[in-house]
Amino acid sequence: MTAPVTRAIATIPDDAWETIQYPDAIFDEDTERWISSAEVAEVPFTAFSSQKKAKQIPGRLVVRRIPELNKKE
């Protein structure tokens, strides 16, 4: 993940995350767990922001996270 993407994700407030349910559980091979829900959020994002203005692409960054794997202690 690039630094601009990481910074953009860090600006997403806690109340911006929307829960989504998967109709069928998905097996996450990295964690070796079944996942049946996640959260999504979006934030404005400009791709290629280090380039000249004409080459920058404004848009939105859509992020998915899995709450069970990101528990705050």
N, C-alpha and C. Protein backbone atom coordinates (compact mmCIF):
# COMPACT_ATOMS: atom_id res chain seq x y z
N MET A 1 0.86 -1.17 0.00
CA MET A 1 0.00 0.00 0.00
C MET A 1 0.91 1.24 0.00
N THR A 2 0.56 2.23 -0.79
CA THR A 2 1.38 3.44 -0.87
C THR A 2 1.06 4.38 0.28
N ALA A 3 1.98 5.29 0.56
CA ALA A 3 1.79 6.24 1.65
C ALA A 3 0.54 7.11 1.45
N PRO A 4 0.26 7.62 0.24
CA PRO A 4 -0.96 8.41 0.07
C PRO A 4 -2.24 7.62 0.36
N VAL A 5 -2.25 6.34 -0.01
CA VAL A 5 -3.43 5.51 0.26
C VAL A 5 -3.57 5.29 1.77
N THR A 6 -2.47 5.00 2.43
CA THR A 6 -2.49 4.81 3.89
C THR A 6 -2.99 6.07 4.59
N ARG A 7 -2.51 7.23 4.16
CA ARG A 7 -2.96 8.50 4.77
C ARG A 7 -4.45 8.72 4.52
N ALA A 8 -4.92 8.42 3.32
CA ALA A 8 -6.34 8.60 3.00
C ALA A 8 -7.20 7.69 3.87
N ILE A 9 -6.80 6.45 4.04
CA ILE A 9 -7.56 5.51 4.87
C ILE A 9 -7.61 6.00 6.31
N ALA A 10 -6.52 6.57 6.80
CA ALA A 10 -6.45 7.06 8.18
C ALA A 10 -7.44 8.20 8.44
N THR A 11 -7.90 8.87 7.38
CA THR A 11 -8.84 9.98 7.56
C THR A 11 -10.29 9.53 7.66
N ILE A 12 -10.56 8.25 7.43
CA ILE A 12 -11.94 7.76 7.45
C ILE A 12 -12.41 7.70 8.90
N PRO A 13 -13.47 8.44 9.24
CA PRO A 13 -13.97 8.40 10.62
C PRO A 13 -14.66 7.07 10.94
N ASP A 14 -14.68 6.71 12.21
CA ASP A 14 -15.28 5.44 12.63
C ASP A 14 -16.74 5.30 12.20
N ASP A 15 -17.48 6.41 12.19
CA ASP A 15 -18.91 6.32 11.84
C ASP A 15 -19.17 6.25 10.34
N ALA A 16 -18.12 6.29 9.53
CA ALA A 16 -18.29 6.22 8.07
C ALA A 16 -18.35 4.78 7.56
N TRP A 17 -17.97 3.83 8.39
CA TRP A 17 -17.92 2.42 7.97
C TRP A 17 -19.31 1.82 7.98
N GLU A 18 -19.69 1.18 6.87
CA GLU A 18 -20.99 0.51 6.73
C GLU A 18 -20.78 -1.00 6.72
N THR A 19 -21.57 -1.70 7.52
CA THR A 19 -21.46 -3.16 7.56
C THR A 19 -22.12 -3.77 6.34
N ILE A 20 -21.46 -4.75 5.75
CA ILE A 20 -22.04 -5.52 4.65
C ILE A 20 -22.00 -6.99 5.05
N GLN A 21 -22.97 -7.74 4.59
CA GLN A 21 -23.03 -9.18 4.86
C GLN A 21 -22.83 -9.92 3.55
N TYR A 22 -22.03 -10.96 3.58
CA TYR A 22 -21.87 -11.82 2.42
C TYR A 22 -22.96 -12.89 2.45
N PRO A 23 -23.64 -13.14 1.33
CA PRO A 23 -24.68 -14.17 1.33
C PRO A 23 -24.11 -15.56 1.62
N ASP A 24 -22.89 -15.80 1.24
CA ASP A 24 -22.19 -17.05 1.53
C ASP A 24 -20.84 -16.67 2.15
N ALA A 25 -20.45 -17.39 3.17
CA ALA A 25 -19.16 -17.10 3.80
C ALA A 25 -18.02 -17.30 2.80
N ILE A 26 -16.96 -16.53 3.00
CA ILE A 26 -15.78 -16.59 2.15
C ILE A 26 -14.61 -17.08 3.00
N PHE A 27 -13.86 -18.03 2.49
CA PHE A 27 -12.71 -18.54 3.23
C PHE A 27 -11.50 -17.67 2.93
N ASP A 28 -10.93 -17.05 3.97
CA ASP A 28 -9.73 -16.22 3.84
C ASP A 28 -8.51 -17.12 4.05
N GLU A 29 -7.79 -17.38 2.97
CA GLU A 29 -6.66 -18.31 3.05
C GLU A 29 -5.51 -17.75 3.89
N ASP A 30 -5.37 -16.42 3.93
CA ASP A 30 -4.29 -15.83 4.73
C ASP A 30 -4.49 -16.09 6.22
N THR A 31 -5.73 -15.97 6.68
CA THR A 31 -6.01 -16.15 8.11
C THR A 31 -6.58 -17.52 8.43
N GLU A 32 -6.91 -18.26 7.38
CA GLU A 32 -7.52 -19.59 7.52
C GLU A 32 -8.80 -19.52 8.35
N ARG A 33 -9.64 -18.52 8.02
CA ARG A 33 -10.92 -18.32 8.72
C ARG A 33 -12.02 -18.06 7.70
N TRP A 34 -13.25 -18.40 8.10
CA TRP A 34 -14.41 -18.08 7.29
C TRP A 34 -14.88 -16.67 7.65
N ILE A 35 -15.15 -15.87 6.64
CA ILE A 35 -15.58 -14.48 6.82
C ILE A 35 -16.98 -14.34 6.25
N SER A 36 -17.91 -13.80 7.04
CA SER A 36 -19.28 -13.62 6.54
C SER A 36 -19.73 -12.17 6.57
N SER A 37 -18.91 -11.28 7.12
CA SER A 37 -19.26 -9.86 7.11
C SER A 37 -17.99 -9.02 7.01
N ALA A 38 -18.19 -7.79 6.60
CA ALA A 38 -17.08 -6.85 6.47
C ALA A 38 -17.66 -5.45 6.61
N GLU A 39 -16.81 -4.46 6.54
CA GLU A 39 -17.24 -3.07 6.55
C GLU A 39 -16.58 -2.37 5.37
N VAL A 40 -17.31 -1.43 4.78
CA VAL A 40 -16.77 -0.65 3.67
C VAL A 40 -16.95 0.83 3.97
N ALA A 41 -16.06 1.62 3.41
CA ALA A 41 -16.14 3.08 3.51
C ALA A 41 -15.46 3.65 2.28
N GLU A 42 -15.75 4.91 2.03
CA GLU A 42 -15.09 5.57 0.90
C GLU A 42 -14.61 6.94 1.33
N VAL A 43 -13.61 7.41 0.64
CA VAL A 43 -13.02 8.71 0.93
C VAL A 43 -12.55 9.32 -0.40
N PRO A 44 -12.66 10.64 -0.55
CA PRO A 44 -12.14 11.26 -1.77
C PRO A 44 -10.64 10.98 -1.89
N PHE A 45 -10.19 10.75 -3.11
CA PHE A 45 -8.78 10.40 -3.31
C PHE A 45 -8.35 10.86 -4.69
N THR A 46 -7.16 11.42 -4.77
CA THR A 46 -6.59 11.82 -6.06
C THR A 46 -5.42 10.90 -6.37
N ALA A 47 -5.57 10.12 -7.43
CA ALA A 47 -4.50 9.22 -7.85
C ALA A 47 -3.42 10.01 -8.58
N PHE A 48 -2.21 9.56 -8.46
CA PHE A 48 -1.06 10.19 -9.11
C PHE A 48 -0.87 11.63 -8.67
N SER A 49 -1.10 11.90 -7.39
CA SER A 49 -1.03 13.27 -6.87
C SER A 49 0.38 13.85 -6.92
N SER A 50 1.39 13.03 -7.08
CA SER A 50 2.76 13.55 -7.18
C SER A 50 3.10 14.00 -8.60
N GLN A 51 2.20 13.73 -9.54
CA GLN A 51 2.42 14.10 -10.94
C GLN A 51 1.91 15.52 -11.20
N LYS A 52 2.17 16.01 -12.41
CA LYS A 52 1.63 17.31 -12.81
C LYS A 52 0.11 17.26 -12.74
N LYS A 53 -0.50 18.40 -12.50
CA LYS A 53 -1.96 18.49 -12.32
C LYS A 53 -2.73 17.79 -13.45
N ALA A 54 -2.26 17.92 -14.68
CA ALA A 54 -2.96 17.33 -15.83
C ALA A 54 -2.99 15.80 -15.77
N LYS A 55 -2.07 15.20 -15.04
CA LYS A 55 -2.00 13.73 -14.97
C LYS A 55 -2.66 13.17 -13.71
N GLN A 56 -3.11 14.04 -12.81
CA GLN A 56 -3.77 13.59 -11.60
C GLN A 56 -5.20 13.18 -11.91
N ILE A 57 -5.68 12.17 -11.21
CA ILE A 57 -7.03 11.66 -11.45
C ILE A 57 -7.83 11.70 -10.15
N PRO A 58 -8.78 12.65 -10.04
CA PRO A 58 -9.60 12.69 -8.83
C PRO A 58 -10.66 11.59 -8.85
N GLY A 59 -10.97 11.09 -7.70
CA GLY A 59 -11.98 10.04 -7.61
C GLY A 59 -12.28 9.73 -6.17
N ARG A 60 -12.55 8.47 -5.90
CA ARG A 60 -12.81 8.05 -4.53
C ARG A 60 -12.09 6.73 -4.29
N LEU A 61 -11.71 6.54 -3.07
CA LEU A 61 -11.05 5.31 -2.66
C LEU A 61 -12.05 4.52 -1.82
N VAL A 62 -12.38 3.32 -2.25
CA VAL A 62 -13.32 2.46 -1.52
C VAL A 62 -12.49 1.41 -0.80
N VAL A 63 -12.72 1.30 0.50
CA VAL A 63 -11.91 0.43 1.35
C VAL A 63 -12.81 -0.59 2.03
N ARG A 64 -12.31 -1.82 2.12
CA ARG A 64 -13.03 -2.88 2.84
C ARG A 64 -12.16 -3.33 3.99
N ARG A 65 -12.78 -3.51 5.15
CA ARG A 65 -12.05 -4.07 6.29
C ARG A 65 -12.89 -5.17 6.93
N ILE A 66 -12.22 -6.05 7.62
CA ILE A 66 -12.89 -7.16 8.30
C ILE A 66 -12.76 -6.92 9.80
N PRO A 67 -13.87 -6.51 10.45
CA PRO A 67 -13.80 -6.13 11.87
C PRO A 67 -13.22 -7.21 12.77
N GLU A 68 -13.53 -8.48 12.52
CA GLU A 68 -13.03 -9.55 13.38
C GLU A 68 -11.50 -9.60 13.38
N LEU A 69 -10.90 -9.14 12.31
CA LEU A 69 -9.44 -9.20 12.20
C LEU A 69 -8.77 -7.90 12.64
N ASN A 70 -9.56 -6.86 12.88
CA ASN A 70 -9.02 -5.54 13.24
C ASN A 70 -9.56 -5.07 14.58
N LYS A 71 -9.67 -5.96 15.53
CA LYS A 71 -10.26 -5.59 16.82
C LYS A 71 -9.37 -4.59 17.55
N LYS A 72 -10.03 -3.55 18.11
CA LYS A 72 -9.33 -2.57 18.93
C LYS A 72 -9.37 -3.05 20.37
N GLU A 73 -8.26 -2.95 21.03
CA GLU A 73 -8.21 -3.42 22.42
C GLU A 73 -8.27 -2.28 23.39
